[in-house]
Amino acid sequence: MKISVFEAEDWERAALSSLEADHTLEVFPGELTQASVEKAADAEVISIFIYSSIDRALLDRLPRLKLIACRSTGVDHVDLEACRERGIIVCNVPRYGEYTVAEHVFALLLTISHRMEEAIARTRAGNFSPRGLQGFDLRGKTLGVVGTGDIGREVIRIANGFGMHVLAFDVNPNDDAARALGFRYVDLETLLRESDIISLHVPSTPATHHLLSDEQFATMRKGVVLINTARGDIIDIRALARALAEGKVSAAGLDVLPEEPTIREEAELLRSVYERRHDLSTLLAGEILVRMKNVVVTPHSAFNTREAVQRILETTVENIRAFIQGHPQHVVT
């Protein structure tokens, strides 16, 4: 069987090499695009990370494809309906980084609360004055957690260690977890109104698209801190930019942005602007947020620890083997 893996670094090949004994394995560092799809034209299995988007046009050029093994939990970058029509199975890695991503939430939050970026830049410039660097304690603050899946619950466990009060919202409340971890479920409006800090942990779906927009920011208390390590399109970032400019949101820690694959490539950004393939106002808002002093942006790296990546690779190999053996696992569609 021909297996093509995209968005993989050289060191990752070792974890995938067990597939080479019985199959043809090709590993590519770049993304799967219309420009690179010829490399996998005869592939029966393709594995991608988060920056390769697979749509109908791309599927048309992969006539032998039977399995898409996503090395991620989210699969919003794959046209699932088109895969269903073609009988292509899509599987994911449902669990790999609840501890990793939850720790990143607090890395972002502590960077904000202790003004770490400014403090480090100041001392590197030879200025050791703490003037103007006053932050705030996490202890006693109310943390609003939107989404109480694996990652959301781990965030709550860490918050308990900091002595924070936790409110949570979820369309499917987990009452056992609430009792065990000592948090309280409320409706979304109450969470937004009463939280000092809000952390988002929901998937990208039509229901969560722009879950936070102007109306929701208006509900929040003045000076709230917002953390997003989930998906970029959960927040209307044009509304976020306005809320930051007005002081409604005092600071934001973002590991994800909408249009992030485009934002991170300036050449692609310029080309896409010319071709009008993207929402230009969203692109501009993203560029503005990256440069704001009260916004900490990381490059969708919350997952990126040695342990988490190893779990992703191991589960991906298991997913591919299970499919080949006739009993697919972790099937999304």
C-alpha atoms as a PDB file:
ATOM      1  CA  MET A   1       0.000   0.000   0.000  1.00  0.00           C
ATOM      2  CA  LYS A   2       1.281   3.492  -0.860  1.00  0.00           C
ATOM      3  CA  ILE A   3       1.354   5.818   2.162  1.00  0.00           C
ATOM      4  CA  SER A   4       2.199   9.513   1.781  1.00  0.00           C
ATOM      5  CA  VAL A   5       2.871  11.611   4.882  1.00  0.00           C
ATOM      6  CA  PHE A   6       2.925  15.405   4.669  1.00  0.00           C
ATOM      7  CA  GLU A   7       4.056  18.103   7.118  1.00  0.00           C
ATOM      8  CA  ALA A   8       6.544  15.737   8.770  1.00  0.00           C
ATOM      9  CA  GLU A   9      10.067  16.557   9.894  1.00  0.00           C
ATOM     10  CA  ASP A  10      12.977  14.194   9.295  1.00  0.00           C
ATOM     11  CA  TRP A  11      13.112  13.010  12.907  1.00  0.00           C
ATOM     12  CA  GLU A  12       9.455  11.984  12.751  1.00  0.00           C
ATOM     13  CA  ARG A  13      10.226   9.422  10.076  1.00  0.00           C
ATOM     14  CA  ALA A  14      11.706   7.072  12.686  1.00  0.00           C
ATOM     15  CA  ALA A  15       8.317   6.763  14.385  1.00  0.00           C
ATOM     16  CA  LEU A  16       6.685   6.027  11.032  1.00  0.00           C
ATOM     17  CA  SER A  17       9.376   3.685   9.734  1.00  0.00           C
ATOM     18  CA  SER A  18       7.664   0.538  11.031  1.00  0.00           C
ATOM     19  CA  LEU A  19       5.194   0.967   8.163  1.00  0.00           C
ATOM     20  CA  GLU A  20       7.984   0.566   5.595  1.00  0.00           C
ATOM     21  CA  ALA A  21       8.378  -3.177   6.109  1.00  0.00           C
ATOM     22  CA  ASP A  22       5.192  -4.008   4.211  1.00  0.00           C
ATOM     23  CA  HIS A  23       4.260  -0.759   2.475  1.00  0.00           C
ATOM     24  CA  THR A  24       5.692   2.050   0.375  1.00  0.00           C
ATOM     25  CA  LEU A  25       6.164   5.055   2.648  1.00  0.00           C
ATOM     26  CA  GLU A  26       6.998   8.556   1.450  1.00  0.00           C
ATOM     27  CA  VAL A  27       7.477  11.432   3.888  1.00  0.00           C
ATOM     28  CA  PHE A  28       7.356  15.088   2.803  1.00  0.00           C
ATOM     29  CA  PRO A  29       8.157  18.150   4.940  1.00  0.00           C
ATOM     30  CA  GLY A  30       5.754  20.459   3.115  1.00  0.00           C
ATOM     31  CA  GLU A  31       2.004  20.747   3.084  1.00  0.00           C
ATOM     32  CA  LEU A  32      -0.356  18.885   0.785  1.00  0.00           C
ATOM     33  CA  THR A  33      -1.520  21.446  -1.772  1.00  0.00           C
ATOM     34  CA  GLN A  34      -2.544  21.600  -5.404  1.00  0.00           C
ATOM     35  CA  ALA A  35       1.121  22.257  -6.159  1.00  0.00           C
ATOM     36  CA  SER A  36       2.392  19.203  -4.251  1.00  0.00           C
ATOM     37  CA  VAL A  37      -0.446  16.723  -4.741  1.00  0.00           C
ATOM     38  CA  GLU A  38       1.316  15.028  -7.662  1.00  0.00           C
ATOM     39  CA  LYS A  39       3.742  13.559  -5.129  1.00  0.00           C
ATOM     40  CA  ALA A  40       0.839  11.536  -3.723  1.00  0.00           C
ATOM     41  CA  ALA A  41      -1.191  10.986  -6.890  1.00  0.00           C
ATOM     42  CA  ASP A  42      -1.214   7.194  -6.436  1.00  0.00           C
ATOM     43  CA  ALA A  43      -1.391   7.156  -2.626  1.00  0.00           C
ATOM     44  CA  GLU A  44      -4.012   5.014  -0.913  1.00  0.00           C
ATOM     45  CA  VAL A  45      -3.279   6.495   2.516  1.00  0.00           C
ATOM     46  CA  ILE A  46      -2.409  10.113   3.253  1.00  0.00           C
ATOM     47  CA  SER A  47      -1.462  11.564   6.622  1.00  0.00           C
ATOM     48  CA  ILE A  48      -1.576  15.306   7.240  1.00  0.00           C
ATOM     49  CA  PHE A  49      -1.173  17.690  10.140  1.00  0.00           C
ATOM     50  CA  ILE A  50      -3.193  20.914  10.499  1.00  0.00           C
ATOM     51  CA  TYR A  51      -1.986  23.161   7.693  1.00  0.00           C
ATOM     52  CA  SER A  52      -2.900  20.925   4.751  1.00  0.00           C
ATOM     53  CA  SER A  53      -6.473  21.589   3.668  1.00  0.00           C
ATOM     54  CA  ILE A  54      -8.144  18.804   1.711  1.00  0.00           C
ATOM     55  CA  ASP A  55     -11.111  19.919  -0.367  1.00  0.00           C
ATOM     56  CA  ARG A  56     -13.027  18.471  -3.312  1.00  0.00           C
ATOM     57  CA  ALA A  57     -10.603  19.803  -5.878  1.00  0.00           C
ATOM     58  CA  LEU A  58      -7.694  18.123  -4.128  1.00  0.00           C
ATOM     59  CA  LEU A  59      -9.606  14.847  -3.715  1.00  0.00           C
ATOM     60  CA  ASP A  60     -10.282  14.829  -7.464  1.00  0.00           C
ATOM     61  CA  ARG A  61      -6.532  14.458  -7.963  1.00  0.00           C
ATOM     62  CA  LEU A  62      -6.227  11.545  -5.525  1.00  0.00           C
ATOM     63  CA  PRO A  63      -8.201   8.804  -7.286  1.00  0.00           C
ATOM     64  CA  ARG A  64      -6.777   5.887  -5.239  1.00  0.00           C
ATOM     65  CA  LEU A  65      -7.166   7.505  -1.830  1.00  0.00           C
ATOM     66  CA  LYS A  66      -8.893   5.345   0.799  1.00  0.00           C
ATOM     67  CA  LEU A  67      -7.778   6.830   4.134  1.00  0.00           C
ATOM     68  CA  ILE A  68      -6.873  10.267   5.470  1.00  0.00           C
ATOM     69  CA  ALA A  69      -5.048   9.883   8.780  1.00  0.00           C
ATOM     70  CA  CYS A  70      -5.118  13.302  10.458  1.00  0.00           C
ATOM     71  CA  ARG A  71      -2.369  13.884  12.983  1.00  0.00           C
ATOM     72  CA  SER A  72      -4.669  16.115  15.004  1.00  0.00           C
ATOM     73  CA  THR A  73      -7.890  15.991  16.956  1.00  0.00           C
ATOM     74  CA  GLY A  74      -9.662  18.609  14.864  1.00  0.00           C
ATOM     75  CA  VAL A  75     -10.564  17.709  11.288  1.00  0.00           C
ATOM     76  CA  ASP A  76     -12.071  21.011  10.138  1.00  0.00           C
ATOM     77  CA  HIS A  77      -9.344  21.258   7.482  1.00  0.00           C
ATOM     78  CA  VAL A  78     -10.814  18.236   5.647  1.00  0.00           C
ATOM     79  CA  ASP A  79     -14.010  18.280   3.570  1.00  0.00           C
ATOM     80  CA  LEU A  80     -15.752  15.436   5.362  1.00  0.00           C
ATOM     81  CA  GLU A  81     -18.831  15.472   3.144  1.00  0.00           C
ATOM     82  CA  ALA A  82     -16.708  15.068   0.026  1.00  0.00           C
ATOM     83  CA  CYS A  83     -14.873  12.178   1.719  1.00  0.00           C
ATOM     84  CA  ARG A  84     -18.163  10.481   2.605  1.00  0.00           C
ATOM     85  CA  GLU A  85     -19.316  10.744  -0.998  1.00  0.00           C
ATOM     86  CA  ARG A  86     -16.109   9.070  -2.169  1.00  0.00           C
ATOM     87  CA  GLY A  87     -16.040   6.395   0.541  1.00  0.00           C
ATOM     88  CA  ILE A  88     -12.805   7.789   2.010  1.00  0.00           C
ATOM     89  CA  ILE A  89     -12.320   7.129   5.714  1.00  0.00           C
ATOM     90  CA  VAL A  90     -11.026   9.986   7.861  1.00  0.00           C
ATOM     91  CA  CYS A  91      -9.527   9.245  11.272  1.00  0.00           C
ATOM     92  CA  ASN A  92      -7.964  11.479  13.889  1.00  0.00           C
ATOM     93  CA  VAL A  93      -5.932  11.403  17.092  1.00  0.00           C
ATOM     94  CA  PRO A  94      -8.592  11.999  19.726  1.00  0.00           C
ATOM     95  CA  ARG A  95      -6.260  12.266  22.710  1.00  0.00           C
ATOM     96  CA  TYR A  96      -2.634  13.273  22.835  1.00  0.00           C
ATOM     97  CA  GLY A  97      -2.147  16.666  24.399  1.00  0.00           C
ATOM     98  CA  GLU A  98      -4.606  17.471  27.148  1.00  0.00           C
ATOM     99  CA  TYR A  99      -1.725  18.064  29.597  1.00  0.00           C
ATOM    100  CA  THR A 100       0.419  19.738  26.967  1.00  0.00           C
ATOM    101  CA  VAL A 101      -2.192  22.221  25.772  1.00  0.00           C
ATOM    102  CA  ALA A 102      -3.437  22.930  29.300  1.00  0.00           C
ATOM    103  CA  GLU A 103       0.111  23.793  30.369  1.00  0.00           C
ATOM    104  CA  HIS A 104       0.385  26.130  27.376  1.00  0.00           C
ATOM    105  CA  VAL A 105      -2.773  27.910  28.518  1.00  0.00           C
ATOM    106  CA  PHE A 106      -0.998  28.818  31.733  1.00  0.00           C
ATOM    107  CA  ALA A 107       2.217  29.664  29.910  1.00  0.00           C
ATOM    108  CA  LEU A 108       0.235  32.283  27.991  1.00  0.00           C
ATOM    109  CA  LEU A 109      -1.650  33.405  31.084  1.00  0.00           C
ATOM    110  CA  LEU A 110       1.460  33.786  33.249  1.00  0.00           C
ATOM    111  CA  THR A 111       3.235  35.620  30.431  1.00  0.00           C
ATOM    112  CA  ILE A 112       0.381  38.138  30.572  1.00  0.00           C
ATOM    113  CA  SER A 113      -0.134  38.266  34.334  1.00  0.00           C
ATOM    114  CA  HIS A 114       3.571  38.810  35.079  1.00  0.00           C
ATOM    115  CA  ARG A 115       4.279  40.993  32.008  1.00  0.00           C
ATOM    116  CA  MET A 116       7.001  38.536  31.000  1.00  0.00           C
ATOM    117  CA  GLU A 117       7.582  39.707  27.426  1.00  0.00           C
ATOM    118  CA  GLU A 118       8.144  43.303  28.505  1.00  0.00           C
ATOM    119  CA  ALA A 119      10.230  42.305  31.521  1.00  0.00           C
ATOM    120  CA  ILE A 120      12.556  40.094  29.489  1.00  0.00           C
ATOM    121  CA  ALA A 121      12.932  42.684  26.726  1.00  0.00           C
ATOM    122  CA  ARG A 122      13.714  45.366  29.302  1.00  0.00           C
ATOM    123  CA  THR A 123      16.421  43.402  31.116  1.00  0.00           C
ATOM    124  CA  ARG A 124      18.009  42.317  27.836  1.00  0.00           C
ATOM    125  CA  ALA A 125      18.318  46.020  27.019  1.00  0.00           C
ATOM    126  CA  GLY A 126      20.120  46.559  30.343  1.00  0.00           C
ATOM    127  CA  ASN A 127      17.207  48.158  32.205  1.00  0.00           C
ATOM    128  CA  PHE A 128      16.491  46.445  35.538  1.00  0.00           C
ATOM    129  CA  SER A 129      13.758  48.781  36.774  1.00  0.00           C
ATOM    130  CA  PRO A 130      10.408  47.116  37.619  1.00  0.00           C
ATOM    131  CA  ARG A 131       8.578  50.406  37.102  1.00  0.00           C
ATOM    132  CA  GLY A 132       5.505  49.956  34.882  1.00  0.00           C
ATOM    133  CA  LEU A 133       5.625  46.160  35.007  1.00  0.00           C
ATOM    134  CA  GLN A 134       2.989  45.554  37.660  1.00  0.00           C
ATOM    135  CA  GLY A 135       0.987  42.421  36.953  1.00  0.00           C
ATOM    136  CA  PHE A 136      -1.729  40.560  38.825  1.00  0.00           C
ATOM    137  CA  ASP A 137      -2.181  37.397  40.898  1.00  0.00           C
ATOM    138  CA  LEU A 138      -4.077  34.391  39.578  1.00  0.00           C
ATOM    139  CA  ARG A 139      -5.102  33.306  43.075  1.00  0.00           C
ATOM    140  CA  GLY A 140      -8.660  34.340  43.819  1.00  0.00           C
ATOM    141  CA  LYS A 141      -9.486  35.209  40.210  1.00  0.00           C
ATOM    142  CA  THR A 142     -12.476  33.651  38.452  1.00  0.00           C
ATOM    143  CA  LEU A 143     -11.562  31.536  35.443  1.00  0.00           C
ATOM    144  CA  GLY A 144     -14.271  30.805  32.892  1.00  0.00           C
ATOM    145  CA  VAL A 145     -13.628  27.598  30.952  1.00  0.00           C
ATOM    146  CA  VAL A 146     -15.656  27.191  27.757  1.00  0.00           C
ATOM    147  CA  GLY A 147     -15.656  23.486  26.935  1.00  0.00           C
ATOM    148  CA  THR A 148     -14.947  20.824  29.545  1.00  0.00           C
ATOM    149  CA  GLY A 149     -13.499  18.008  27.467  1.00  0.00           C
ATOM    150  CA  ASP A 150     -10.116  16.466  28.210  1.00  0.00           C
ATOM    151  CA  ILE A 151      -8.194  19.734  27.803  1.00  0.00           C
ATOM    152  CA  GLY A 152     -10.753  21.911  29.557  1.00  0.00           C
ATOM    153  CA  ARG A 153     -10.808  19.624  32.588  1.00  0.00           C
ATOM    154  CA  GLU A 154      -7.006  19.602  32.770  1.00  0.00           C
ATOM    155  CA  VAL A 155      -7.033  23.407  32.685  1.00  0.00           C
ATOM    156  CA  ILE A 156      -9.432  23.328  35.639  1.00  0.00           C
ATOM    157  CA  ARG A 157      -7.124  20.976  37.571  1.00  0.00           C
ATOM    158  CA  ILE A 158      -4.227  23.386  37.110  1.00  0.00           C
ATOM    159  CA  ALA A 159      -6.433  26.366  38.003  1.00  0.00           C
ATOM    160  CA  ASN A 160      -7.315  24.655  41.265  1.00  0.00           C
ATOM    161  CA  GLY A 161      -3.621  24.522  42.065  1.00  0.00           C
ATOM    162  CA  PHE A 162      -3.398  28.287  41.612  1.00  0.00           C
ATOM    163  CA  GLY A 163      -6.332  28.833  43.963  1.00  0.00           C
ATOM    164  CA  MET A 164      -8.668  30.137  41.251  1.00  0.00           C
ATOM    165  CA  HIS A 165     -12.459  29.962  41.225  1.00  0.00           C
ATOM    166  CA  VAL A 166     -13.757  28.164  38.133  1.00  0.00           C
ATOM    167  CA  LEU A 167     -16.965  28.586  36.167  1.00  0.00           C
ATOM    168  CA  ALA A 168     -17.601  26.397  33.130  1.00  0.00           C
ATOM    169  CA  PHE A 169     -19.914  26.188  30.161  1.00  0.00           C
ATOM    170  CA  ASP A 170     -20.499  23.123  28.005  1.00  0.00           C
ATOM    171  CA  VAL A 171     -23.416  22.016  25.843  1.00  0.00           C
ATOM    172  CA  ASN A 172     -22.954  18.573  27.433  1.00  0.00           C
ATOM    173  CA  PRO A 173     -22.162  19.197  31.111  1.00  0.00           C
ATOM    174  CA  ASN A 174     -20.091  16.609  32.962  1.00  0.00           C
ATOM    175  CA  ASP A 175     -21.592  16.672  36.455  1.00  0.00           C
ATOM    176  CA  ASP A 176     -19.216  14.006  37.772  1.00  0.00           C
ATOM    177  CA  ALA A 177     -16.232  16.143  36.752  1.00  0.00           C
ATOM    178  CA  ALA A 178     -17.824  19.231  38.305  1.00  0.00           C
ATOM    179  CA  ARG A 179     -18.175  17.443  41.637  1.00  0.00           C
ATOM    180  CA  ALA A 180     -14.698  15.930  41.498  1.00  0.00           C
ATOM    181  CA  LEU A 181     -12.923  19.141  40.479  1.00  0.00           C
ATOM    182  CA  GLY A 182     -15.110  21.599  42.377  1.00  0.00           C
ATOM    183  CA  PHE A 183     -16.241  23.860  39.539  1.00  0.00           C
ATOM    184  CA  ARG A 184     -19.704  25.152  38.682  1.00  0.00           C
ATOM    185  CA  TYR A 185     -21.545  25.022  35.360  1.00  0.00           C
ATOM    186  CA  VAL A 186     -23.321  28.196  34.271  1.00  0.00           C
ATOM    187  CA  ASP A 187     -24.783  29.449  31.010  1.00  0.00           C
ATOM    188  CA  LEU A 188     -22.416  31.155  28.596  1.00  0.00           C
ATOM    189  CA  GLU A 189     -23.711  34.666  29.290  1.00  0.00           C
ATOM    190  CA  THR A 190     -23.129  34.247  33.035  1.00  0.00           C
ATOM    191  CA  LEU A 191     -19.623  32.905  32.432  1.00  0.00           C
ATOM    192  CA  LEU A 192     -18.754  35.849  30.214  1.00  0.00           C
ATOM    193  CA  ARG A 193     -20.186  38.334  32.693  1.00  0.00           C
ATOM    194  CA  GLU A 194     -18.525  36.949  35.830  1.00  0.00           C
ATOM    195  CA  SER A 195     -15.104  35.726  34.670  1.00  0.00           C
ATOM    196  CA  ASP A 196     -11.841  37.615  35.097  1.00  0.00           C
ATOM    197  CA  ILE A 197     -10.143  35.259  32.636  1.00  0.00           C
ATOM    198  CA  ILE A 198     -11.766  33.186  29.885  1.00  0.00           C
ATOM    199  CA  SER A 199     -10.163  30.136  28.263  1.00  0.00           C
ATOM    200  CA  LEU A 200     -11.646  28.468  25.174  1.00  0.00           C
ATOM    201  CA  HIS A 201     -11.642  24.694  24.614  1.00  0.00           C
ATOM    202  CA  VAL A 202     -14.262  23.862  21.983  1.00  0.00           C
ATOM    203  CA  PRO A 203     -13.870  22.450  18.470  1.00  0.00           C
ATOM    204  CA  SER A 204     -14.418  24.403  15.280  1.00  0.00           C
ATOM    205  CA  THR A 205     -17.946  23.686  14.077  1.00  0.00           C
ATOM    206  CA  PRO A 206     -20.713  25.765  12.495  1.00  0.00           C
ATOM    207  CA  ALA A 207     -22.163  26.180  15.998  1.00  0.00           C
ATOM    208  CA  THR A 208     -18.921  27.550  17.470  1.00  0.00           C
ATOM    209  CA  HIS A 209     -17.953  29.806  14.540  1.00  0.00           C
ATOM    210  CA  HIS A 210     -17.543  33.310  16.007  1.00  0.00           C
ATOM    211  CA  LEU A 211     -18.800  32.069  19.358  1.00  0.00           C
ATOM    212  CA  LEU A 212     -17.286  35.278  20.714  1.00  0.00           C
ATOM    213  CA  SER A 213     -18.170  38.393  18.744  1.00  0.00           C
ATOM    214  CA  ASP A 214     -19.221  41.970  19.520  1.00  0.00           C
ATOM    215  CA  GLU A 215     -22.307  40.929  21.484  1.00  0.00           C
ATOM    216  CA  GLN A 216     -20.342  38.557  23.701  1.00  0.00           C
ATOM    217  CA  PHE A 217     -17.489  41.028  24.279  1.00  0.00           C
ATOM    218  CA  ALA A 218     -20.047  43.617  25.374  1.00  0.00           C
ATOM    219  CA  THR A 219     -21.249  41.157  28.032  1.00  0.00           C
ATOM    220  CA  MET A 220     -17.786  40.640  29.544  1.00  0.00           C
ATOM    221  CA  ARG A 221     -16.499  42.591  32.518  1.00  0.00           C
ATOM    222  CA  LYS A 222     -14.053  45.366  31.724  1.00  0.00           C
ATOM    223  CA  GLY A 223     -10.427  44.245  31.762  1.00  0.00           C
ATOM    224  CA  VAL A 224     -11.069  40.550  31.113  1.00  0.00           C
ATOM    225  CA  VAL A 225      -8.178  38.400  29.835  1.00  0.00           C
ATOM    226  CA  LEU A 226      -8.907  36.009  26.967  1.00  0.00           C
ATOM    227  CA  ILE A 227      -6.962  32.819  26.185  1.00  0.00           C
ATOM    228  CA  ASN A 228      -7.562  30.751  23.029  1.00  0.00           C
ATOM    229  CA  THR A 229      -5.683  27.524  22.330  1.00  0.00           C
ATOM    230  CA  ALA A 230      -8.587  25.868  20.485  1.00  0.00           C
ATOM    231  CA  ARG A 231      -9.358  27.110  16.959  1.00  0.00           C
ATOM    232  CA  GLY A 232      -8.979  30.562  15.456  1.00  0.00           C
ATOM    233  CA  ASP A 233     -12.460  30.958  14.015  1.00  0.00           C
ATOM    234  CA  ILE A 234     -14.134  30.555  17.425  1.00  0.00           C
ATOM    235  CA  ILE A 235     -13.384  34.256  17.942  1.00  0.00           C
ATOM    236  CA  ASP A 236     -14.349  37.045  15.563  1.00  0.00           C
ATOM    237  CA  ILE A 237     -10.918  38.625  15.736  1.00  0.00           C
ATOM    238  CA  ARG A 238     -12.153  41.896  14.264  1.00  0.00           C
ATOM    239  CA  ALA A 239     -14.453  42.136  17.278  1.00  0.00           C
ATOM    240  CA  LEU A 240     -11.539  41.138  19.539  1.00  0.00           C
ATOM    241  CA  ALA A 241      -9.355  43.894  18.072  1.00  0.00           C
ATOM    242  CA  ARG A 242     -12.121  46.402  18.824  1.00  0.00           C
ATOM    243  CA  ALA A 243     -12.539  45.068  22.378  1.00  0.00           C
ATOM    244  CA  LEU A 244      -8.795  45.352  22.987  1.00  0.00           C
ATOM    245  CA  ALA A 245      -8.677  48.890  21.598  1.00  0.00           C
ATOM    246  CA  GLU A 246     -11.579  49.927  23.846  1.00  0.00           C
ATOM    247  CA  GLY A 247     -10.087  48.276  26.957  1.00  0.00           C
ATOM    248  CA  LYS A 248     -12.961  45.834  27.409  1.00  0.00           C
ATOM    249  CA  VAL A 249     -10.360  43.062  26.964  1.00  0.00           C
ATOM    250  CA  SER A 250      -7.147  44.015  28.754  1.00  0.00           C
ATOM    251  CA  ALA A 251      -5.010  41.281  27.197  1.00  0.00           C
ATOM    252  CA  ALA A 252      -5.221  38.152  25.069  1.00  0.00           C
ATOM    253  CA  GLY A 253      -3.115  35.013  24.752  1.00  0.00           C
ATOM    254  CA  LEU A 254      -3.670  33.328  21.398  1.00  0.00           C
ATOM    255  CA  ASP A 255      -2.143  30.138  20.072  1.00  0.00           C
ATOM    256  CA  VAL A 256      -4.516  30.122  17.107  1.00  0.00           C
ATOM    257  CA  LEU A 257      -5.767  32.654  14.591  1.00  0.00           C
ATOM    258  CA  PRO A 258      -8.158  32.373  11.655  1.00  0.00           C
ATOM    259  CA  GLU A 259      -6.315  32.352   8.333  1.00  0.00           C
ATOM    260  CA  GLU A 260      -3.128  31.431  10.247  1.00  0.00           C
ATOM    261  CA  PRO A 261      -1.561  29.392   7.422  1.00  0.00           C
ATOM    262  CA  THR A 262      -1.824  32.492   5.250  1.00  0.00           C
ATOM    263  CA  ILE A 263      -0.689  34.941   7.917  1.00  0.00           C
ATOM    264  CA  ARG A 264       2.471  32.940   8.556  1.00  0.00           C
ATOM    265  CA  GLU A 265       3.574  33.096   4.918  1.00  0.00           C
ATOM    266  CA  GLU A 266       4.026  36.643   3.693  1.00  0.00           C
ATOM    267  CA  ALA A 267       4.386  35.658   0.047  1.00  0.00           C
ATOM    268  CA  GLU A 268       1.210  33.607   0.205  1.00  0.00           C
ATOM    269  CA  LEU A 269      -0.489  36.499   1.988  1.00  0.00           C
ATOM    270  CA  LEU A 270       0.332  38.926  -0.777  1.00  0.00           C
ATOM    271  CA  ARG A 271      -0.722  36.474  -3.470  1.00  0.00           C
ATOM    272  CA  SER A 272      -3.993  35.630  -1.749  1.00  0.00           C
ATOM    273  CA  VAL A 273      -4.823  39.320  -1.316  1.00  0.00           C
ATOM    274  CA  TYR A 274      -4.372  39.792  -5.021  1.00  0.00           C
ATOM    275  CA  GLU A 275      -6.499  36.773  -5.876  1.00  0.00           C
ATOM    276  CA  ARG A 276      -9.166  37.706  -3.284  1.00  0.00           C
ATOM    277  CA  ARG A 277      -9.325  34.173  -1.931  1.00  0.00           C
ATOM    278  CA  HIS A 278      -9.409  35.142   1.730  1.00  0.00           C
ATOM    279  CA  ASP A 279     -11.300  37.459   4.053  1.00  0.00           C
ATOM    280  CA  LEU A 280      -8.997  40.467   3.895  1.00  0.00           C
ATOM    281  CA  SER A 281     -10.436  42.171   6.980  1.00  0.00           C
ATOM    282  CA  THR A 282      -9.807  39.020   9.011  1.00  0.00           C
ATOM    283  CA  LEU A 283      -6.262  38.788   7.668  1.00  0.00           C
ATOM    284  CA  LEU A 284      -5.619  42.412   8.580  1.00  0.00           C
ATOM    285  CA  ALA A 285      -7.078  41.968  12.066  1.00  0.00           C
ATOM    286  CA  GLY A 286      -4.805  38.976  12.587  1.00  0.00           C
ATOM    287  CA  GLU A 287      -1.764  40.972  11.517  1.00  0.00           C
ATOM    288  CA  ILE A 288      -2.755  43.763  13.912  1.00  0.00           C
ATOM    289  CA  LEU A 289      -3.225  41.391  16.854  1.00  0.00           C
ATOM    290  CA  VAL A 290       0.205  39.835  16.337  1.00  0.00           C
ATOM    291  CA  ARG A 291       1.775  43.263  16.816  1.00  0.00           C
ATOM    292  CA  MET A 292      -0.232  44.525  19.812  1.00  0.00           C
ATOM    293  CA  LYS A 293       1.742  44.785  23.052  1.00  0.00           C
ATOM    294  CA  ASN A 294      -1.094  43.386  25.179  1.00  0.00           C
ATOM    295  CA  VAL A 295      -1.547  40.341  22.946  1.00  0.00           C
ATOM    296  CA  VAL A 296       0.685  37.266  23.200  1.00  0.00           C
ATOM    297  CA  VAL A 297       0.565  35.112  20.072  1.00  0.00           C
ATOM    298  CA  THR A 298       2.235  31.739  19.663  1.00  0.00           C
ATOM    299  CA  PRO A 299       2.351  29.849  16.336  1.00  0.00           C
ATOM    300  CA  HIS A 300      -0.204  27.095  17.031  1.00  0.00           C
ATOM    301  CA  SER A 301       2.434  25.403  19.156  1.00  0.00           C
ATOM    302  CA  ALA A 302       0.458  24.481  22.278  1.00  0.00           C
ATOM    303  CA  PHE A 303       0.622  20.806  21.240  1.00  0.00           C
ATOM    304  CA  ASN A 304       4.331  20.850  20.510  1.00  0.00           C
ATOM    305  CA  THR A 305       6.160  18.904  23.192  1.00  0.00           C
ATOM    306  CA  ARG A 306       8.267  15.791  22.617  1.00  0.00           C
ATOM    307  CA  GLU A 307       5.803  13.679  24.532  1.00  0.00           C
ATOM    308  CA  ALA A 308       2.685  14.919  22.757  1.00  0.00           C
ATOM    309  CA  VAL A 309       4.173  14.655  19.265  1.00  0.00           C
ATOM    310  CA  GLN A 310       5.332  11.120  20.035  1.00  0.00           C
ATOM    311  CA  ARG A 311       1.787  10.207  21.112  1.00  0.00           C
ATOM    312  CA  ILE A 312       0.432  11.719  17.879  1.00  0.00           C
ATOM    313  CA  LEU A 313       2.815   9.678  15.745  1.00  0.00           C
ATOM    314  CA  GLU A 314       2.193   6.441  17.633  1.00  0.00           C
ATOM    315  CA  THR A 315      -1.581   6.821  17.366  1.00  0.00           C
ATOM    316  CA  THR A 316      -1.307   7.696  13.679  1.00  0.00           C
ATOM    317  CA  VAL A 317       0.670   4.512  12.979  1.00  0.00           C
ATOM    318  CA  GLU A 318      -1.926   2.538  14.952  1.00  0.00           C
ATOM    319  CA  ASN A 319      -4.720   4.185  12.952  1.00  0.00           C
ATOM    320  CA  ILE A 320      -3.097   3.286   9.641  1.00  0.00           C
ATOM    321  CA  ARG A 321      -2.385  -0.291  10.716  1.00  0.00           C
ATOM    322  CA  ALA A 322      -5.944  -0.753  11.992  1.00  0.00           C
ATOM    323  CA  PHE A 323      -7.325   0.461   8.658  1.00  0.00           C
ATOM    324  CA  ILE A 324      -5.074  -1.859   6.665  1.00  0.00           C
ATOM    325  CA  GLN A 325      -6.127  -4.776   8.868  1.00  0.00           C
ATOM    326  CA  GLY A 326      -9.771  -4.053   8.158  1.00  0.00           C
ATOM    327  CA  HIS A 327     -10.923  -2.558  11.461  1.00  0.00           C
ATOM    328  CA  PRO A 328     -10.456   1.226  11.293  1.00  0.00           C
ATOM    329  CA  GLN A 329     -10.264   3.089  14.604  1.00  0.00           C
ATOM    330  CA  HIS A 330     -10.809   6.692  15.677  1.00  0.00           C
ATOM    331  CA  VAL A 331     -12.999   7.152  12.611  1.00  0.00           C
ATOM    332  CA  VAL A 332     -14.497  10.606  12.112  1.00  0.00           C
ATOM    333  CA  THR A 333     -16.257   9.721   8.868  1.00  0.00           C
END
